[in-house]
Amino acid sequence: MLKHRALSAALLAALACAAGPATAHAASATDGTPGARGAAGTAPAVHGVSIPATDLRLLSQATHSRHSFRRPSQGMLESTNWAGYAATGHTYTSVASNWTEPSVTCTSKGIVGFWVGLDGLNSSTVEQTGTGVDCSNGTPQQFAWWETYPANSVQVYNVPVSAGDQMSSSVVAQAHGGYVLALTDWTAGWRVENPVSLPAGKDASAEIIAEAVSAGNQITTLPDFGQVEFTGSTIDTASLQAAGAQPIDMTDAHNNLIAATTEADPDGDFDVDYTADVLTS
């Protein structure tokens, strides 16, 4: 948990100065937790959470480098760093989902992220928040983060995250380039609502994603996250189908499937399954 343990030396070596510190403002909340399959909710607030002025770069560069999306014959989109669902082709104002933080086995020294966001697909801006697991030291280190590129590269929240935690996340666009990035850990009992300004935001796509994070210009080898279940996913408060969102599978540089996305049901529930182990089995 990042609240009690520093990021790995390998990860810290990739850090650079960010735009500056910020503060996540706690929001009022009511009791309750999301069901195993259900919509995002509210949780007890976290007060005075400080966001370090550090720039991970890793998650942000994975998005900014625009790794190609391919459409194979069966119609499924493929990416070398994303798996999940994405909608594009319109203007979007909100995206939300829940997930259980996976138990990651560090089969590589890579980093995997789980997040929801606006933009990042065929646009020059990013508004995202979620969790990640760093395997650079050979043991999983969970962390929570947010980003509004280019104004703020990836920023780490000083809050605990553990495997098995029930997470909820949303990104909502507001007037005049404002956004509210919300992240809740129901299990640990914290919630942050982070109001940010990004007047250049395009709102050109919406995503719910599991990502193989990049270090520098290289995508890190995807650690074994088993399965992540995204539930109650919505785009513009409607179903993924209504938003025209499409599933994305993740492949390696040799076009081998390494993370597969299942079909979303009308409630916005779908899974992303780690499949890279079949390459060596």
Foldseek 3Di string as FASTA:
>chain_A
DCLPDPDDPVQVVLKDFKLDKDWFAWDDFDDDQADPFAAHGTFAADHGWIWDRIASVFQVLLLQVQFDWDQDPVGAIEGQWKFFKKFFDDFFFKKKWKKFQFDFQCPDQFKKWWWKWFDSHPDNWIWMWGKMWGCNVPHTDIWTWTDIPPNTHIITISDDDDGGWIKMWMWGADPQQKIWTKIDGRVRGYITTGIDGDNPDDSGMITGIMTQIGRPNGRTDDTARFKMKIHQIDINNAFCVVSVMGTYFHAHPVRHTQWHKDDADRSRIIMIGGDVVVVVD
